[in-house]
């Protein structure tokens, strides 16, 4: 089995998908809805703050 190497890769694919969805929510309905979505999915508060405060400065 071979692996794809990236400069940065999330170890948790589910978290990555949830964050991507939250950023889409933030773009369409706002910060409050995105925050609620991530909180409902038990994303850590420090991650929520980092991701939603700087959506254009994401780690890839």
PDB file of N, CA and C in Angstrom:
ATOM      1  N   UNK A   1       0.841  -1.165   0.000  1.00  0.00           N
ATOM      2  CA  UNK A   1       0.000   0.000   0.000  1.00  0.00           C
ATOM      3  C   UNK A   1       0.900   1.247   0.000  1.00  0.00           C
ATOM      4  N   UNK A   2       0.587   2.208  -0.827  1.00  0.00           N
ATOM      5  CA  UNK A   2       1.387   3.423  -0.854  1.00  0.00           C
ATOM      6  C   UNK A   2       0.600   4.583  -0.261  1.00  0.00           C
ATOM      7  N   UNK A   3       1.341   5.589   0.197  1.00  0.00           N
ATOM      8  CA  UNK A   3       0.718   6.735   0.834  1.00  0.00           C
ATOM      9  C   UNK A   3       1.015   7.995   0.034  1.00  0.00           C
ATOM     10  N   UNK A   4       0.065   8.902   0.041  1.00  0.00           N
ATOM     11  CA  UNK A   4       0.264  10.200  -0.587  1.00  0.00           C
ATOM     12  C   UNK A   4       0.822  11.133   0.475  1.00  0.00           C
ATOM     13  N   UNK A   5       1.943  11.774   0.153  1.00  0.00           N
ATOM     14  CA  UNK A   5       2.557  12.682   1.110  1.00  0.00           C
ATOM     15  C   UNK A   5       2.138  14.105   0.799  1.00  0.00           C
ATOM     16  N   UNK A   6       1.752  14.828   1.840  1.00  0.00           N
ATOM     17  CA  UNK A   6       1.370  16.225   1.729  1.00  0.00           C
ATOM     18  C   UNK A   6       2.208  17.020   2.718  1.00  0.00           C
ATOM     19  N   UNK A   7       2.280  18.316   2.504  1.00  0.00           N
ATOM     20  CA  UNK A   7       2.971  19.168   3.457  1.00  0.00           C
ATOM     21  C   UNK A   7       2.243  19.132   4.803  1.00  0.00           C
ATOM     22  N   UNK A   8       0.924  19.070   4.753  1.00  0.00           N
ATOM     23  CA  UNK A   8       0.124  18.938   5.969  1.00  0.00           C
ATOM     24  C   UNK A   8      -1.082  18.076   5.642  1.00  0.00           C
ATOM     25  N   UNK A   9      -1.376  17.165   6.522  1.00  0.00           N
ATOM     26  CA  UNK A   9      -2.539  16.312   6.321  1.00  0.00           C
ATOM     27  C   UNK A   9      -3.224  16.097   7.661  1.00  0.00           C
ATOM     28  N   UNK A  10      -4.518  16.299   7.703  1.00  0.00           N
ATOM     29  CA  UNK A  10      -5.249  16.059   8.943  1.00  0.00           C
ATOM     30  C   UNK A  10      -5.288  14.563   9.212  1.00  0.00           C
ATOM     31  N   UNK A  11      -5.112  14.216  10.464  1.00  0.00           N
ATOM     32  CA  UNK A  11      -5.168  12.806  10.832  1.00  0.00           C
ATOM     33  C   UNK A  11      -6.604  12.327  10.958  1.00  0.00           C
ATOM     34  N   UNK A  12      -7.516  13.257  11.135  1.00  0.00           N
ATOM     35  CA  UNK A  12      -8.918  12.915  11.323  1.00  0.00           C
ATOM     36  C   UNK A  12      -9.726  13.430  10.135  1.00  0.00           C
ATOM     37  N   UNK A  13     -10.089  12.545   9.246  1.00  0.00           N
ATOM     38  CA  UNK A  13     -10.805  12.914   8.025  1.00  0.00           C
ATOM     39  C   UNK A  13     -12.187  13.484   8.349  1.00  0.00           C
ATOM     40  N   UNK A  14     -12.839  12.951   9.353  1.00  0.00           N
ATOM     41  CA  UNK A  14     -14.160  13.458   9.727  1.00  0.00           C
ATOM     42  C   UNK A  14     -14.077  14.930  10.153  1.00  0.00           C
ATOM     43  N   UNK A  15     -13.072  15.270  10.950  1.00  0.00           N
ATOM     44  CA  UNK A  15     -12.898  16.661  11.362  1.00  0.00           C
ATOM     45  C   UNK A  15     -12.671  17.554  10.152  1.00  0.00           C
ATOM     46  N   UNK A  16     -11.880  17.097   9.222  1.00  0.00           N
ATOM     47  CA  UNK A  16     -11.636  17.861   7.999  1.00  0.00           C
ATOM     48  C   UNK A  16     -12.939  18.123   7.247  1.00  0.00           C
ATOM     49  N   UNK A  17     -13.764  17.120   7.103  1.00  0.00           N
ATOM     50  CA  UNK A  17     -15.037  17.274   6.403  1.00  0.00           C
ATOM     51  C   UNK A  17     -15.972  18.228   7.147  1.00  0.00           C
ATOM     52  N   UNK A  18     -16.011  18.118   8.474  1.00  0.00           N
ATOM     53  CA  UNK A  18     -16.857  19.009   9.263  1.00  0.00           C
ATOM     54  C   UNK A  18     -16.394  20.458   9.151  1.00  0.00           C
ATOM     55  N   UNK A  19     -15.092  20.676   9.182  1.00  0.00           N
ATOM     56  CA  UNK A  19     -14.563  22.034   9.060  1.00  0.00           C
ATOM     57  C   UNK A  19     -14.853  22.602   7.678  1.00  0.00           C
ATOM     58  N   UNK A  20     -14.684  21.800   6.655  1.00  0.00           N
ATOM     59  CA  UNK A  20     -15.008  22.265   5.304  1.00  0.00           C
ATOM     60  C   UNK A  20     -16.482  22.656   5.205  1.00  0.00           C
ATOM     61  N   UNK A  21     -17.346  21.868   5.795  1.00  0.00           N
ATOM     62  CA  UNK A  21     -18.783  22.164   5.778  1.00  0.00           C
ATOM     63  C   UNK A  21     -19.079  23.438   6.572  1.00  0.00           C
ATOM     64  N   UNK A  22     -18.430  23.591   7.714  1.00  0.00           N
ATOM     65  CA  UNK A  22     -18.636  24.783   8.537  1.00  0.00           C
ATOM     66  C   UNK A  22     -18.199  26.048   7.796  1.00  0.00           C
ATOM     67  N   UNK A  23     -17.120  25.965   7.053  1.00  0.00           N
ATOM     68  CA  UNK A  23     -16.671  27.131   6.289  1.00  0.00           C
ATOM     69  C   UNK A  23     -17.659  27.472   5.175  1.00  0.00           C
ATOM     70  N   UNK A  24     -18.260  26.460   4.588  1.00  0.00           N
ATOM     71  CA  UNK A  24     -19.298  26.709   3.582  1.00  0.00           C
ATOM     72  C   UNK A  24     -20.514  27.363   4.240  1.00  0.00           C
ATOM     73  N   UNK A  25     -20.868  26.898   5.426  1.00  0.00           N
ATOM     74  CA  UNK A  25     -21.978  27.485   6.170  1.00  0.00           C
ATOM     75  C   UNK A  25     -21.657  28.935   6.521  1.00  0.00           C
ATOM     76  N   UNK A  26     -20.438  29.173   6.979  1.00  0.00           N
ATOM     77  CA  UNK A  26     -20.031  30.526   7.333  1.00  0.00           C
ATOM     78  C   UNK A  26     -20.158  31.467   6.135  1.00  0.00           C
ATOM     79  N   UNK A  27     -19.786  30.975   4.962  1.00  0.00           N
ATOM     80  CA  UNK A  27     -19.882  31.788   3.756  1.00  0.00           C
ATOM     81  C   UNK A  27     -21.303  32.051   3.316  1.00  0.00           C
ATOM     82  N   UNK A  28     -22.212  31.126   3.614  1.00  0.00           N
ATOM     83  CA  UNK A  28     -23.584  31.299   3.131  1.00  0.00           C
ATOM     84  C   UNK A  28     -24.540  31.902   4.163  1.00  0.00           C
ATOM     85  N   UNK A  29     -24.482  31.432   5.406  1.00  0.00           N
ATOM     86  CA  UNK A  29     -25.440  31.933   6.394  1.00  0.00           C
ATOM     87  C   UNK A  29     -24.807  32.642   7.572  1.00  0.00           C
ATOM     88  N   UNK A  30     -23.501  32.618   7.677  1.00  0.00           N
ATOM     89  CA  UNK A  30     -22.837  33.407   8.699  1.00  0.00           C
ATOM     90  C   UNK A  30     -22.082  32.628   9.765  1.00  0.00           C
ATOM     91  N   UNK A  31     -21.342  33.397  10.537  1.00  0.00           N
ATOM     92  CA  UNK A  31     -20.469  32.874  11.579  1.00  0.00           C
ATOM     93  C   UNK A  31     -21.232  32.117  12.660  1.00  0.00           C
ATOM     94  N   UNK A  32     -22.351  32.653  13.074  1.00  0.00           N
ATOM     95  CA  UNK A  32     -23.129  32.044  14.162  1.00  0.00           C
ATOM     96  C   UNK A  32     -23.573  30.622  13.809  1.00  0.00           C
ATOM     97  N   UNK A  33     -24.053  30.430  12.587  1.00  0.00           N
ATOM     98  CA  UNK A  33     -24.491  29.092  12.163  1.00  0.00           C
ATOM     99  C   UNK A  33     -23.314  28.130  12.043  1.00  0.00           C
ATOM    100  N   UNK A  34     -22.192  28.621  11.556  1.00  0.00           N
ATOM    101  CA  UNK A  34     -20.998  27.774  11.437  1.00  0.00           C
ATOM    102  C   UNK A  34     -20.503  27.350  12.816  1.00  0.00           C
ATOM    103  N   UNK A  35     -20.511  28.289  13.754  1.00  0.00           N
ATOM    104  CA  UNK A  35     -20.091  27.981  15.127  1.00  0.00           C
ATOM    105  C   UNK A  35     -21.024  26.949  15.751  1.00  0.00           C
ATOM    106  N   UNK A  36     -22.309  27.133  15.573  1.00  0.00           N
ATOM    107  CA  UNK A  36     -23.302  26.188  16.103  1.00  0.00           C
ATOM    108  C   UNK A  36     -23.083  24.789  15.508  1.00  0.00           C
ATOM    109  N   UNK A  37     -22.833  24.724  14.211  1.00  0.00           N
ATOM    110  CA  UNK A  37     -22.602  23.444  13.541  1.00  0.00           C
ATOM    111  C   UNK A  37     -21.399  22.715  14.141  1.00  0.00           C
ATOM    112  N   UNK A  38     -20.287  23.429  14.305  1.00  0.00           N
ATOM    113  CA  UNK A  38     -19.079  22.794  14.842  1.00  0.00           C
ATOM    114  C   UNK A  38     -19.253  22.403  16.306  1.00  0.00           C
ATOM    115  N   UNK A  39     -19.930  23.239  17.068  1.00  0.00           N
ATOM    116  CA  UNK A  39     -20.179  22.929  18.473  1.00  0.00           C
ATOM    117  C   UNK A  39     -21.039  21.679  18.598  1.00  0.00           C
ATOM    118  N   UNK A  40     -22.056  21.584  17.755  1.00  0.00           N
ATOM    119  CA  UNK A  40     -22.945  20.418  17.764  1.00  0.00           C
ATOM    120  C   UNK A  40     -22.192  19.127  17.447  1.00  0.00           C
ATOM    121  N   UNK A  41     -21.124  19.259  16.648  1.00  0.00           N
ATOM    122  CA  UNK A  41     -20.339  18.083  16.279  1.00  0.00           C
ATOM    123  C   UNK A  41     -19.117  17.879  17.179  1.00  0.00           C
ATOM    124  N   UNK A  42     -19.123  18.583  18.312  1.00  0.00           N
ATOM    125  CA  UNK A  42     -18.111  18.414  19.363  1.00  0.00           C
ATOM    126  C   UNK A  42     -16.682  18.698  18.901  1.00  0.00           C
ATOM    127  N   UNK A  43     -16.522  19.690  18.050  1.00  0.00           N
ATOM    128  CA  UNK A  43     -15.191  20.145  17.677  1.00  0.00           C
ATOM    129  C   UNK A  43     -14.672  21.000  18.834  1.00  0.00           C
ATOM    130  N   UNK A  44     -13.398  20.867  19.163  1.00  0.00           N
ATOM    131  CA  UNK A  44     -12.810  21.582  20.292  1.00  0.00           C
ATOM    132  C   UNK A  44     -12.923  23.096  20.100  1.00  0.00           C
ATOM    133  N   UNK A  45     -13.226  23.820  21.182  1.00  0.00           N
ATOM    134  CA  UNK A  45     -13.389  25.277  21.090  1.00  0.00           C
ATOM    135  C   UNK A  45     -12.191  26.005  20.485  1.00  0.00           C
ATOM    136  N   UNK A  46     -10.965  25.580  20.813  1.00  0.00           N
ATOM    137  CA  UNK A  46      -9.789  26.252  20.250  1.00  0.00           C
ATOM    138  C   UNK A  46      -9.684  26.041  18.744  1.00  0.00           C
ATOM    139  N   UNK A  47     -10.145  24.906  18.258  1.00  0.00           N
ATOM    140  CA  UNK A  47     -10.149  24.641  16.813  1.00  0.00           C
ATOM    141  C   UNK A  47     -11.211  25.512  16.147  1.00  0.00           C
ATOM    142  N   UNK A  48     -12.381  25.596  16.752  1.00  0.00           N
ATOM    143  CA  UNK A  48     -13.454  26.429  16.203  1.00  0.00           C
ATOM    144  C   UNK A  48     -12.990  27.871  16.088  1.00  0.00           C
ATOM    145  N   UNK A  49     -12.389  28.381  17.137  1.00  0.00           N
ATOM    146  CA  UNK A  49     -11.920  29.765  17.135  1.00  0.00           C
ATOM    147  C   UNK A  49     -10.895  29.995  16.031  1.00  0.00           C
ATOM    148  N   UNK A  50      -9.923  29.103  15.923  1.00  0.00           N
ATOM    149  CA  UNK A  50      -8.868  29.250  14.912  1.00  0.00           C
ATOM    150  C   UNK A  50      -9.436  29.193  13.489  1.00  0.00           C
ATOM    151  N   UNK A  51     -10.296  28.239  13.236  1.00  0.00           N
ATOM    152  CA  UNK A  51     -10.816  28.029  11.888  1.00  0.00           C
ATOM    153  C   UNK A  51     -11.766  29.149  11.461  1.00  0.00           C
ATOM    154  N   UNK A  52     -12.694  29.519  12.331  1.00  0.00           N
ATOM    155  CA  UNK A  52     -13.692  30.505  11.942  1.00  0.00           C
ATOM    156  C   UNK A  52     -13.177  31.944  11.977  1.00  0.00           C
ATOM    157  N   UNK A  53     -12.149  32.200  12.768  1.00  0.00           N
ATOM    158  CA  UNK A  53     -11.622  33.566  12.815  1.00  0.00           C
ATOM    159  C   UNK A  53     -10.742  33.883  11.623  1.00  0.00           C
ATOM    160  N   UNK A  54     -10.155  32.871  11.002  1.00  0.00           N
ATOM    161  CA  UNK A  54      -9.278  33.078   9.839  1.00  0.00           C
ATOM    162  C   UNK A  54      -9.565  32.042   8.763  1.00  0.00           C
ATOM    163  N   UNK A  55     -10.726  32.101   8.127  1.00  0.00           N
ATOM    164  CA  UNK A  55     -11.078  31.060   7.154  1.00  0.00           C
ATOM    165  C   UNK A  55     -10.165  31.017   5.930  1.00  0.00           C
ATOM    166  N   UNK A  56      -9.491  32.124   5.631  1.00  0.00           N
ATOM    167  CA  UNK A  56      -8.610  32.151   4.454  1.00  0.00           C
ATOM    168  C   UNK A  56      -7.186  31.698   4.770  1.00  0.00           C
ATOM    169  N   UNK A  57      -6.879  31.539   6.025  1.00  0.00           N
ATOM    170  CA  UNK A  57      -5.529  31.129   6.457  1.00  0.00           C
ATOM    171  C   UNK A  57      -5.549  29.700   6.963  1.00  0.00           C
ATOM    172  N   UNK A  58      -6.077  28.803   6.185  1.00  0.00           N
ATOM    173  CA  UNK A  58      -6.233  27.419   6.610  1.00  0.00           C
ATOM    174  C   UNK A  58      -4.995  26.601   6.354  1.00  0.00           C
ATOM    175  N   UNK A  59      -4.831  25.571   7.180  1.00  0.00           N
ATOM    176  CA  UNK A  59      -3.764  24.585   6.953  1.00  0.00           C
ATOM    177  C   UNK A  59      -4.268  23.607   5.909  1.00  0.00           C
ATOM    178  N   UNK A  60      -3.394  23.209   5.019  1.00  0.00           N
ATOM    179  CA  UNK A  60      -3.772  22.226   3.982  1.00  0.00           C
ATOM    180  C   UNK A  60      -2.908  21.004   4.073  1.00  0.00           C
TER     181      UNK A  60
END
